[in-house]
């Protein structure tokens, strides 16, 4: 059966926070969850764009229960500041969707010195997940959904090249950031299980979807790809965020090559499931960020 958002059960009483929610996949996920009566917190870097996104959703779903939060995943200090305020506010959170990401920027670093793709796509979400974990533990439906990519298949973690120590390769660095996301999701589930907590850490990818990330220095190449709309690209995210999930699950489109289609179990590169690599990446993140999960 081809799963669509119409099959999502009523989400009344549940709160979702989605990073990068003012556009693309994050926006579409927020829209569909709003239709199902969820409380949706749109997060992003630009307050005005977040307000405009909320207005667009409300225009389609007048009963939408929305909020927004400014979070800059480029800066650990900024994430800490947001998380401190959020935790102290006493707000509830059931599902964190680590959606925001950057792809193929020029050689650059985050405020903390990480290669930009690795720093935003992985490090930023590692820190955010860590600091919001105490709130998620209080939920009866605690879940963390992390977006990876088909590019994870060619990704490997080069611990000697996470801060642009070597000549920049945008494809290699993007693949590294996305395999890091998948490794993180699985390693987090291992640690959750070891702690006896009832929280789900799962992952997904959107196939090839027409969003702001779908850019190339050869635009004509895009027309050769059977890409999906941003709305259908968000189906995998929505499935991972709302359906019953098996341990160490990874959801993606079911079409040929996982480029398009409907949510189904996706291919996982064995490297991403390697517990030893997961442990090494976890230790690196703890050491470099100074942020640790409180299980």
C-alpha atoms as a PDB file:
ATOM      1  CA  UNK A   1       0.000   0.000   0.000  1.00  0.00           C
ATOM      2  CA  UNK A   2       1.302   3.463  -0.900  1.00  0.00           C
ATOM      3  CA  UNK A   3       1.450   5.344   2.399  1.00  0.00           C
ATOM      4  CA  UNK A   4       0.433   9.021   2.343  1.00  0.00           C
ATOM      5  CA  UNK A   5      -0.045  11.647   5.087  1.00  0.00           C
ATOM      6  CA  UNK A   6      -3.803  11.063   4.956  1.00  0.00           C
ATOM      7  CA  UNK A   7      -3.084   7.869   6.903  1.00  0.00           C
ATOM      8  CA  UNK A   8      -1.529   9.722   9.854  1.00  0.00           C
ATOM      9  CA  UNK A   9      -3.599   9.265  12.977  1.00  0.00           C
ATOM     10  CA  UNK A  10      -4.879  12.279  14.896  1.00  0.00           C
ATOM     11  CA  UNK A  11      -1.909  13.935  16.628  1.00  0.00           C
ATOM     12  CA  UNK A  12      -3.845  16.027  19.155  1.00  0.00           C
ATOM     13  CA  UNK A  13      -1.837  16.601  22.322  1.00  0.00           C
ATOM     14  CA  UNK A  14       1.533  15.843  20.705  1.00  0.00           C
ATOM     15  CA  UNK A  15       4.222  18.455  20.143  1.00  0.00           C
ATOM     16  CA  UNK A  16       6.724  18.344  17.270  1.00  0.00           C
ATOM     17  CA  UNK A  17       9.789  20.538  16.718  1.00  0.00           C
ATOM     18  CA  UNK A  18      11.134  20.579  13.154  1.00  0.00           C
ATOM     19  CA  UNK A  19      14.428  22.224  12.229  1.00  0.00           C
ATOM     20  CA  UNK A  20      14.607  23.960   8.865  1.00  0.00           C
ATOM     21  CA  UNK A  21      10.812  24.182   8.822  1.00  0.00           C
ATOM     22  CA  UNK A  22      10.317  27.464   6.992  1.00  0.00           C
ATOM     23  CA  UNK A  23      10.898  25.859   3.598  1.00  0.00           C
ATOM     24  CA  UNK A  24      11.150  22.580   1.698  1.00  0.00           C
ATOM     25  CA  UNK A  25      10.744  19.230   3.418  1.00  0.00           C
ATOM     26  CA  UNK A  26      10.486  20.748   6.884  1.00  0.00           C
ATOM     27  CA  UNK A  27       7.710  23.096   5.848  1.00  0.00           C
ATOM     28  CA  UNK A  28       5.749  20.319   4.157  1.00  0.00           C
ATOM     29  CA  UNK A  29       6.100  18.075   7.218  1.00  0.00           C
ATOM     30  CA  UNK A  30       4.889  20.917   9.442  1.00  0.00           C
ATOM     31  CA  UNK A  31       1.904  21.521   7.164  1.00  0.00           C
ATOM     32  CA  UNK A  32       0.811  17.871   7.182  1.00  0.00           C
ATOM     33  CA  UNK A  33       1.221  17.542  10.947  1.00  0.00           C
ATOM     34  CA  UNK A  34      -0.804  20.713  11.450  1.00  0.00           C
ATOM     35  CA  UNK A  35      -3.605  19.106   9.427  1.00  0.00           C
ATOM     36  CA  UNK A  36      -3.591  16.270  11.983  1.00  0.00           C
ATOM     37  CA  UNK A  37      -4.000  18.633  14.968  1.00  0.00           C
ATOM     38  CA  UNK A  38      -0.398  18.385  16.222  1.00  0.00           C
ATOM     39  CA  UNK A  39       1.281  21.282  17.995  1.00  0.00           C
ATOM     40  CA  UNK A  40       4.064  22.100  15.554  1.00  0.00           C
ATOM     41  CA  UNK A  41       7.076  24.259  16.384  1.00  0.00           C
ATOM     42  CA  UNK A  42       8.811  25.524  13.263  1.00  0.00           C
ATOM     43  CA  UNK A  43      12.513  26.145  13.849  1.00  0.00           C
ATOM     44  CA  UNK A  44      15.014  27.976  11.683  1.00  0.00           C
ATOM     45  CA  UNK A  45      17.558  30.784  11.540  1.00  0.00           C
ATOM     46  CA  UNK A  46      15.362  33.589  10.206  1.00  0.00           C
ATOM     47  CA  UNK A  47      12.490  34.850  12.371  1.00  0.00           C
ATOM     48  CA  UNK A  48      10.720  36.640   9.528  1.00  0.00           C
ATOM     49  CA  UNK A  49      10.775  33.564   7.285  1.00  0.00           C
ATOM     50  CA  UNK A  50       9.437  31.448  10.147  1.00  0.00           C
ATOM     51  CA  UNK A  51       6.564  33.907  10.676  1.00  0.00           C
ATOM     52  CA  UNK A  52       5.788  33.806   6.961  1.00  0.00           C
ATOM     53  CA  UNK A  53       5.821  29.996   6.958  1.00  0.00           C
ATOM     54  CA  UNK A  54       3.427  29.918   9.906  1.00  0.00           C
ATOM     55  CA  UNK A  55       1.135  32.327   8.055  1.00  0.00           C
ATOM     56  CA  UNK A  56       1.135  30.125   4.944  1.00  0.00           C
ATOM     57  CA  UNK A  57       0.213  27.065   6.996  1.00  0.00           C
ATOM     58  CA  UNK A  58      -2.512  28.909   8.880  1.00  0.00           C
ATOM     59  CA  UNK A  59      -3.984  30.065   5.564  1.00  0.00           C
ATOM     60  CA  UNK A  60      -4.439  26.410   4.604  1.00  0.00           C
ATOM     61  CA  UNK A  61      -5.199  25.080   8.083  1.00  0.00           C
ATOM     62  CA  UNK A  62      -7.023  27.818  10.041  1.00  0.00           C
ATOM     63  CA  UNK A  63      -7.084  25.640  13.162  1.00  0.00           C
ATOM     64  CA  UNK A  64      -3.304  25.047  13.045  1.00  0.00           C
ATOM     65  CA  UNK A  65      -1.585  24.995  16.439  1.00  0.00           C
ATOM     66  CA  UNK A  66       1.800  26.502  15.616  1.00  0.00           C
ATOM     67  CA  UNK A  67       4.805  28.080  17.249  1.00  0.00           C
ATOM     68  CA  UNK A  68       8.252  29.030  16.024  1.00  0.00           C
ATOM     69  CA  UNK A  69      11.756  29.141  17.476  1.00  0.00           C
ATOM     70  CA  UNK A  70      14.934  30.732  16.140  1.00  0.00           C
ATOM     71  CA  UNK A  71      17.771  28.196  16.186  1.00  0.00           C
ATOM     72  CA  UNK A  72      21.124  28.671  14.453  1.00  0.00           C
ATOM     73  CA  UNK A  73      22.637  25.209  13.953  1.00  0.00           C
ATOM     74  CA  UNK A  74      25.856  26.878  12.809  1.00  0.00           C
ATOM     75  CA  UNK A  75      26.688  27.805  16.416  1.00  0.00           C
ATOM     76  CA  UNK A  76      26.861  25.602  19.509  1.00  0.00           C
ATOM     77  CA  UNK A  77      26.497  28.681  21.717  1.00  0.00           C
ATOM     78  CA  UNK A  78      23.298  29.673  19.908  1.00  0.00           C
ATOM     79  CA  UNK A  79      21.869  26.152  20.266  1.00  0.00           C
ATOM     80  CA  UNK A  80      22.713  26.142  23.970  1.00  0.00           C
ATOM     81  CA  UNK A  81      20.988  29.492  24.448  1.00  0.00           C
ATOM     82  CA  UNK A  82      17.827  28.299  22.706  1.00  0.00           C
ATOM     83  CA  UNK A  83      17.748  24.959  24.544  1.00  0.00           C
ATOM     84  CA  UNK A  84      18.264  26.568  27.957  1.00  0.00           C
ATOM     85  CA  UNK A  85      15.293  28.854  27.409  1.00  0.00           C
ATOM     86  CA  UNK A  86      13.155  26.044  25.999  1.00  0.00           C
ATOM     87  CA  UNK A  87      13.838  23.666  28.894  1.00  0.00           C
ATOM     88  CA  UNK A  88      13.302  26.395  31.500  1.00  0.00           C
ATOM     89  CA  UNK A  89      10.001  27.387  29.873  1.00  0.00           C
ATOM     90  CA  UNK A  90       8.483  24.064  30.872  1.00  0.00           C
ATOM     91  CA  UNK A  91       7.205  23.442  27.335  1.00  0.00           C
ATOM     92  CA  UNK A  92       6.609  19.831  26.358  1.00  0.00           C
ATOM     93  CA  UNK A  93       8.116  18.074  23.353  1.00  0.00           C
ATOM     94  CA  UNK A  94       7.253  14.648  22.004  1.00  0.00           C
ATOM     95  CA  UNK A  95       9.069  14.473  18.678  1.00  0.00           C
ATOM     96  CA  UNK A  96      12.232  16.228  17.483  1.00  0.00           C
ATOM     97  CA  UNK A  97      12.736  16.137  13.713  1.00  0.00           C
ATOM     98  CA  UNK A  98      16.342  16.902  12.766  1.00  0.00           C
ATOM     99  CA  UNK A  99      15.518  18.063   9.250  1.00  0.00           C
ATOM    100  CA  UNK A 100      17.633  21.149   8.479  1.00  0.00           C
ATOM    101  CA  UNK A 101      20.670  20.713   6.315  1.00  0.00           C
ATOM    102  CA  UNK A 102      23.042  22.298   3.833  1.00  0.00           C
ATOM    103  CA  UNK A 103      24.495  20.740   0.713  1.00  0.00           C
ATOM    104  CA  UNK A 104      27.460  21.695  -1.459  1.00  0.00           C
ATOM    105  CA  UNK A 105      28.375  25.104  -0.012  1.00  0.00           C
ATOM    106  CA  UNK A 106      31.742  26.629  -0.871  1.00  0.00           C
ATOM    107  CA  UNK A 107      34.564  25.650   1.488  1.00  0.00           C
ATOM    108  CA  UNK A 108      33.551  27.102   4.838  1.00  0.00           C
ATOM    109  CA  UNK A 109      33.406  26.426   8.552  1.00  0.00           C
ATOM    110  CA  UNK A 110      30.818  26.802  11.286  1.00  0.00           C
ATOM    111  CA  UNK A 111      31.274  29.239  14.162  1.00  0.00           C
ATOM    112  CA  UNK A 112      32.977  26.395  16.040  1.00  0.00           C
ATOM    113  CA  UNK A 113      35.403  25.475  13.278  1.00  0.00           C
ATOM    114  CA  UNK A 114      33.756  22.390  11.792  1.00  0.00           C
ATOM    115  CA  UNK A 115      33.477  21.926   8.035  1.00  0.00           C
ATOM    116  CA  UNK A 116      30.105  23.543   7.329  1.00  0.00           C
ATOM    117  CA  UNK A 117      28.179  20.480   6.138  1.00  0.00           C
ATOM    118  CA  UNK A 118      29.442  18.265   8.948  1.00  0.00           C
ATOM    119  CA  UNK A 119      28.966  21.060  11.465  1.00  0.00           C
ATOM    120  CA  UNK A 120      25.379  21.952  10.580  1.00  0.00           C
ATOM    121  CA  UNK A 121      24.030  18.595   9.396  1.00  0.00           C
ATOM    122  CA  UNK A 122      25.514  16.505  12.205  1.00  0.00           C
ATOM    123  CA  UNK A 123      27.159  18.482  15.006  1.00  0.00           C
ATOM    124  CA  UNK A 124      24.340  21.021  15.278  1.00  0.00           C
ATOM    125  CA  UNK A 125      21.697  18.318  15.490  1.00  0.00           C
ATOM    126  CA  UNK A 126      23.775  16.242  17.913  1.00  0.00           C
ATOM    127  CA  UNK A 127      23.939  19.219  20.283  1.00  0.00           C
ATOM    128  CA  UNK A 128      20.253  20.082  19.852  1.00  0.00           C
ATOM    129  CA  UNK A 129      19.173  16.468  20.450  1.00  0.00           C
ATOM    130  CA  UNK A 130      21.375  16.239  23.527  1.00  0.00           C
ATOM    131  CA  UNK A 131      20.063  19.417  25.116  1.00  0.00           C
ATOM    132  CA  UNK A 132      16.386  18.671  24.388  1.00  0.00           C
ATOM    133  CA  UNK A 133      16.694  15.055  25.537  1.00  0.00           C
ATOM    134  CA  UNK A 134      15.587  15.824  29.137  1.00  0.00           C
ATOM    135  CA  UNK A 135      12.304  17.185  27.746  1.00  0.00           C
ATOM    136  CA  UNK A 136      11.819  14.235  25.394  1.00  0.00           C
ATOM    137  CA  UNK A 137      12.371  11.808  28.292  1.00  0.00           C
ATOM    138  CA  UNK A 138       9.268  13.222  29.975  1.00  0.00           C
ATOM    139  CA  UNK A 139       7.096  12.378  26.994  1.00  0.00           C
ATOM    140  CA  UNK A 140       5.137   9.151  26.625  1.00  0.00           C
ATOM    141  CA  UNK A 141       5.901   9.373  22.902  1.00  0.00           C
ATOM    142  CA  UNK A 142       9.531  10.528  22.890  1.00  0.00           C
ATOM    143  CA  UNK A 143      11.107  10.255  19.460  1.00  0.00           C
ATOM    144  CA  UNK A 144      14.041  11.722  17.542  1.00  0.00           C
ATOM    145  CA  UNK A 145      13.913  11.558  13.747  1.00  0.00           C
ATOM    146  CA  UNK A 146      17.145  12.390  11.907  1.00  0.00           C
ATOM    147  CA  UNK A 147      17.315  12.975   8.165  1.00  0.00           C
ATOM    148  CA  UNK A 148      20.106  11.300   6.270  1.00  0.00           C
ATOM    149  CA  UNK A 149      20.508  10.842   2.514  1.00  0.00           C
ATOM    150  CA  UNK A 150      21.257   8.293  -0.179  1.00  0.00           C
ATOM    151  CA  UNK A 151      24.649  10.015  -0.187  1.00  0.00           C
ATOM    152  CA  UNK A 152      25.424   8.213   3.091  1.00  0.00           C
ATOM    153  CA  UNK A 153      26.236   5.121   1.028  1.00  0.00           C
ATOM    154  CA  UNK A 154      29.533   6.629  -0.103  1.00  0.00           C
ATOM    155  CA  UNK A 155      30.254   8.433   3.145  1.00  0.00           C
ATOM    156  CA  UNK A 156      32.930   7.573   5.679  1.00  0.00           C
ATOM    157  CA  UNK A 157      34.094   9.456   8.735  1.00  0.00           C
ATOM    158  CA  UNK A 158      37.600  10.826   8.312  1.00  0.00           C
ATOM    159  CA  UNK A 159      38.451  11.969  11.830  1.00  0.00           C
ATOM    160  CA  UNK A 160      41.434  13.831  10.404  1.00  0.00           C
ATOM    161  CA  UNK A 161      39.246  15.905   8.108  1.00  0.00           C
ATOM    162  CA  UNK A 162      36.232  17.204  10.020  1.00  0.00           C
ATOM    163  CA  UNK A 163      37.507  20.781  10.183  1.00  0.00           C
ATOM    164  CA  UNK A 164      38.683  21.242   6.583  1.00  0.00           C
ATOM    165  CA  UNK A 165      42.145  19.911   7.316  1.00  0.00           C
ATOM    166  CA  UNK A 166      42.303  18.509   3.754  1.00  0.00           C
ATOM    167  CA  UNK A 167      41.451  20.011   0.350  1.00  0.00           C
ATOM    168  CA  UNK A 168      37.681  20.473   0.144  1.00  0.00           C
ATOM    169  CA  UNK A 169      35.560  17.979  -1.800  1.00  0.00           C
ATOM    170  CA  UNK A 170      31.898  18.974  -1.602  1.00  0.00           C
ATOM    171  CA  UNK A 171      30.583  15.505  -2.474  1.00  0.00           C
ATOM    172  CA  UNK A 172      32.865  13.699  -0.033  1.00  0.00           C
ATOM    173  CA  UNK A 173      32.135  16.135   2.759  1.00  0.00           C
ATOM    174  CA  UNK A 174      28.367  15.980   2.178  1.00  0.00           C
ATOM    175  CA  UNK A 175      28.415  12.178   2.209  1.00  0.00           C
ATOM    176  CA  UNK A 176      30.459  12.276   5.411  1.00  0.00           C
ATOM    177  CA  UNK A 177      27.903  14.523   7.098  1.00  0.00           C
ATOM    178  CA  UNK A 178      24.987  12.330   6.077  1.00  0.00           C
ATOM    179  CA  UNK A 179      26.542   9.030   7.101  1.00  0.00           C
ATOM    180  CA  UNK A 180      27.323  10.752  10.418  1.00  0.00           C
ATOM    181  CA  UNK A 181      23.607  11.524  10.804  1.00  0.00           C
ATOM    182  CA  UNK A 182      22.693   7.879  10.246  1.00  0.00           C
ATOM    183  CA  UNK A 183      25.456   6.579  12.532  1.00  0.00           C
ATOM    184  CA  UNK A 184      24.259   9.005  15.210  1.00  0.00           C
ATOM    185  CA  UNK A 185      20.667   7.811  14.954  1.00  0.00           C
ATOM    186  CA  UNK A 186      21.666   4.175  15.420  1.00  0.00           C
ATOM    187  CA  UNK A 187      24.206   4.821  18.176  1.00  0.00           C
ATOM    188  CA  UNK A 188      21.645   6.902  20.054  1.00  0.00           C
ATOM    189  CA  UNK A 189      19.188   3.986  19.913  1.00  0.00           C
ATOM    190  CA  UNK A 190      21.856   1.639  21.294  1.00  0.00           C
ATOM    191  CA  UNK A 191      22.440   3.972  24.227  1.00  0.00           C
ATOM    192  CA  UNK A 192      18.712   4.442  24.793  1.00  0.00           C
ATOM    193  CA  UNK A 193      18.236   0.678  24.884  1.00  0.00           C
ATOM    194  CA  UNK A 194      21.145   0.246  27.305  1.00  0.00           C
ATOM    195  CA  UNK A 195      19.526   2.821  29.586  1.00  0.00           C
ATOM    196  CA  UNK A 196      16.126   1.141  29.496  1.00  0.00           C
ATOM    197  CA  UNK A 197      14.363   4.260  28.226  1.00  0.00           C
ATOM    198  CA  UNK A 198      11.238   4.154  26.095  1.00  0.00           C
ATOM    199  CA  UNK A 199      12.341   6.585  23.402  1.00  0.00           C
ATOM    200  CA  UNK A 200      12.729   5.971  19.671  1.00  0.00           C
ATOM    201  CA  UNK A 201      15.669   7.177  17.592  1.00  0.00           C
ATOM    202  CA  UNK A 202      15.042   6.621  13.922  1.00  0.00           C
ATOM    203  CA  UNK A 203      16.145   7.988  10.557  1.00  0.00           C
ATOM    204  CA  UNK A 204      14.861   8.627   7.066  1.00  0.00           C
ATOM    205  CA  UNK A 205      15.798  10.115   3.716  1.00  0.00           C
ATOM    206  CA  UNK A 206      13.698  11.973   1.111  1.00  0.00           C
ATOM    207  CA  UNK A 207      14.983  10.401  -2.077  1.00  0.00           C
ATOM    208  CA  UNK A 208      15.476  13.152  -4.622  1.00  0.00           C
ATOM    209  CA  UNK A 209      13.035  15.960  -3.893  1.00  0.00           C
ATOM    210  CA  UNK A 210      12.672  19.375  -5.491  1.00  0.00           C
ATOM    211  CA  UNK A 211      13.712  21.687  -2.675  1.00  0.00           C
ATOM    212  CA  UNK A 212      16.199  24.527  -2.295  1.00  0.00           C
ATOM    213  CA  UNK A 213      18.901  21.891  -1.786  1.00  0.00           C
ATOM    214  CA  UNK A 214      18.366  20.557  -5.306  1.00  0.00           C
ATOM    215  CA  UNK A 215      20.875  22.887  -6.902  1.00  0.00           C
ATOM    216  CA  UNK A 216      23.817  22.141  -9.152  1.00  0.00           C
ATOM    217  CA  UNK A 217      26.248  24.073 -11.293  1.00  0.00           C
ATOM    218  CA  UNK A 218      24.643  22.231 -14.250  1.00  0.00           C
ATOM    219  CA  UNK A 219      20.889  22.941 -13.875  1.00  0.00           C
ATOM    220  CA  UNK A 220      20.001  20.943 -17.002  1.00  0.00           C
ATOM    221  CA  UNK A 221      21.042  17.766 -15.159  1.00  0.00           C
ATOM    222  CA  UNK A 222      18.113  18.161 -12.771  1.00  0.00           C
ATOM    223  CA  UNK A 223      15.625  17.497 -15.572  1.00  0.00           C
ATOM    224  CA  UNK A 224      17.066  13.987 -16.059  1.00  0.00           C
ATOM    225  CA  UNK A 225      16.060  12.969 -12.511  1.00  0.00           C
ATOM    226  CA  UNK A 226      12.561  11.726 -11.651  1.00  0.00           C
ATOM    227  CA  UNK A 227      12.504  13.849  -8.522  1.00  0.00           C
ATOM    228  CA  UNK A 228       9.510  14.238  -6.230  1.00  0.00           C
ATOM    229  CA  UNK A 229       7.777  17.351  -5.013  1.00  0.00           C
ATOM    230  CA  UNK A 230       8.878  18.626  -1.614  1.00  0.00           C
ATOM    231  CA  UNK A 231       5.537  17.461  -0.237  1.00  0.00           C
ATOM    232  CA  UNK A 232       6.016  13.852  -1.315  1.00  0.00           C
ATOM    233  CA  UNK A 233       9.660  14.048  -0.304  1.00  0.00           C
ATOM    234  CA  UNK A 234       8.433  14.694   3.239  1.00  0.00           C
ATOM    235  CA  UNK A 235       6.422  11.443   3.317  1.00  0.00           C
ATOM    236  CA  UNK A 236       9.409   9.493   4.679  1.00  0.00           C
ATOM    237  CA  UNK A 237       9.869  12.046   7.458  1.00  0.00           C
ATOM    238  CA  UNK A 238       6.202  11.940   8.379  1.00  0.00           C
ATOM    239  CA  UNK A 239       6.146   8.138   8.384  1.00  0.00           C
ATOM    240  CA  UNK A 240       9.223   7.973  10.611  1.00  0.00           C
ATOM    241  CA  UNK A 241       7.744  10.580  12.954  1.00  0.00           C
ATOM    242  CA  UNK A 242       4.266   9.106  13.388  1.00  0.00           C
ATOM    243  CA  UNK A 243       4.182   5.365  12.644  1.00  0.00           C
ATOM    244  CA  UNK A 244       5.292   2.445  14.813  1.00  0.00           C
ATOM    245  CA  UNK A 245       8.979   1.921  14.090  1.00  0.00           C
ATOM    246  CA  UNK A 246      11.261  -1.070  14.483  1.00  0.00           C
ATOM    247  CA  UNK A 247      14.636  -0.616  16.159  1.00  0.00           C
ATOM    248  CA  UNK A 248      17.376   0.743  13.903  1.00  0.00           C
ATOM    249  CA  UNK A 249      14.872   1.630  11.181  1.00  0.00           C
ATOM    250  CA  UNK A 250      15.706   3.803   8.186  1.00  0.00           C
ATOM    251  CA  UNK A 251      12.869   4.924   5.922  1.00  0.00           C
ATOM    252  CA  UNK A 252      13.064   6.103   2.321  1.00  0.00           C
ATOM    253  CA  UNK A 253      11.089   6.042  -0.946  1.00  0.00           C
ATOM    254  CA  UNK A 254      10.317   2.591  -2.349  1.00  0.00           C
ATOM    255  CA  UNK A 255      10.901   3.385  -6.029  1.00  0.00           C
ATOM    256  CA  UNK A 256      13.821   2.300  -8.179  1.00  0.00           C
ATOM    257  CA  UNK A 257      17.061   3.367  -6.564  1.00  0.00           C
ATOM    258  CA  UNK A 258      15.048   4.979  -3.755  1.00  0.00           C
ATOM    259  CA  UNK A 259      14.904   8.143  -5.838  1.00  0.00           C
ATOM    260  CA  UNK A 260      11.129   8.471  -5.544  1.00  0.00           C
ATOM    261  CA  UNK A 261       8.106   6.589  -4.306  1.00  0.00           C
ATOM    262  CA  UNK A 262       6.402   5.957  -0.992  1.00  0.00           C
ATOM    263  CA  UNK A 263       7.832   5.250   2.496  1.00  0.00           C
ATOM    264  CA  UNK A 264       9.445   1.850   3.010  1.00  0.00           C
ATOM    265  CA  UNK A 265      12.562   0.377   4.669  1.00  0.00           C
ATOM    266  CA  UNK A 266      15.614   1.866   2.954  1.00  0.00           C
ATOM    267  CA  UNK A 267      19.050   0.452   2.219  1.00  0.00           C
ATOM    268  CA  UNK A 268      21.572   0.946   5.011  1.00  0.00           C
ATOM    269  CA  UNK A 269      25.275   0.838   4.216  1.00  0.00           C
ATOM    270  CA  UNK A 270      26.941  -1.655   6.618  1.00  0.00           C
ATOM    271  CA  UNK A 271      29.401   1.070   7.608  1.00  0.00           C
ATOM    272  CA  UNK A 272      26.554   3.094   9.138  1.00  0.00           C
ATOM    273  CA  UNK A 273      25.524   0.157  11.335  1.00  0.00           C
ATOM    274  CA  UNK A 274      29.040  -0.522  12.652  1.00  0.00           C
ATOM    275  CA  UNK A 275      28.811  -0.126  16.434  1.00  0.00           C
ATOM    276  CA  UNK A 276      32.541   0.516  16.779  1.00  0.00           C
ATOM    277  CA  UNK A 277      32.378   3.429  14.358  1.00  0.00           C
ATOM    278  CA  UNK A 278      29.258   4.634  16.149  1.00  0.00           C
ATOM    279  CA  UNK A 279      31.143   4.667  19.425  1.00  0.00           C
ATOM    280  CA  UNK A 280      34.063   6.578  17.949  1.00  0.00           C
ATOM    281  CA  UNK A 281      31.844   9.236  16.401  1.00  0.00           C
ATOM    282  CA  UNK A 282      29.937   9.589  19.677  1.00  0.00           C
ATOM    283  CA  UNK A 283      33.159  10.066  21.637  1.00  0.00           C
ATOM    284  CA  UNK A 284      34.326  12.644  19.113  1.00  0.00           C
ATOM    285  CA  UNK A 285      31.083  14.606  19.356  1.00  0.00           C
ATOM    286  CA  UNK A 286      31.161  14.595  23.150  1.00  0.00           C
ATOM    287  CA  UNK A 287      34.778  15.729  23.285  1.00  0.00           C
ATOM    288  CA  UNK A 288      34.524  18.423  20.617  1.00  0.00           C
ATOM    289  CA  UNK A 289      31.216  19.935  21.765  1.00  0.00           C
ATOM    290  CA  UNK A 290      31.483  19.407  25.519  1.00  0.00           C
ATOM    291  CA  UNK A 291      27.846  18.291  25.428  1.00  0.00           C
ATOM    292  CA  UNK A 292      26.752  14.901  26.776  1.00  0.00           C
ATOM    293  CA  UNK A 293      23.432  13.093  26.809  1.00  0.00           C
ATOM    294  CA  UNK A 294      21.835  12.539  30.228  1.00  0.00           C
ATOM    295  CA  UNK A 295      20.344   9.063  29.937  1.00  0.00           C
END
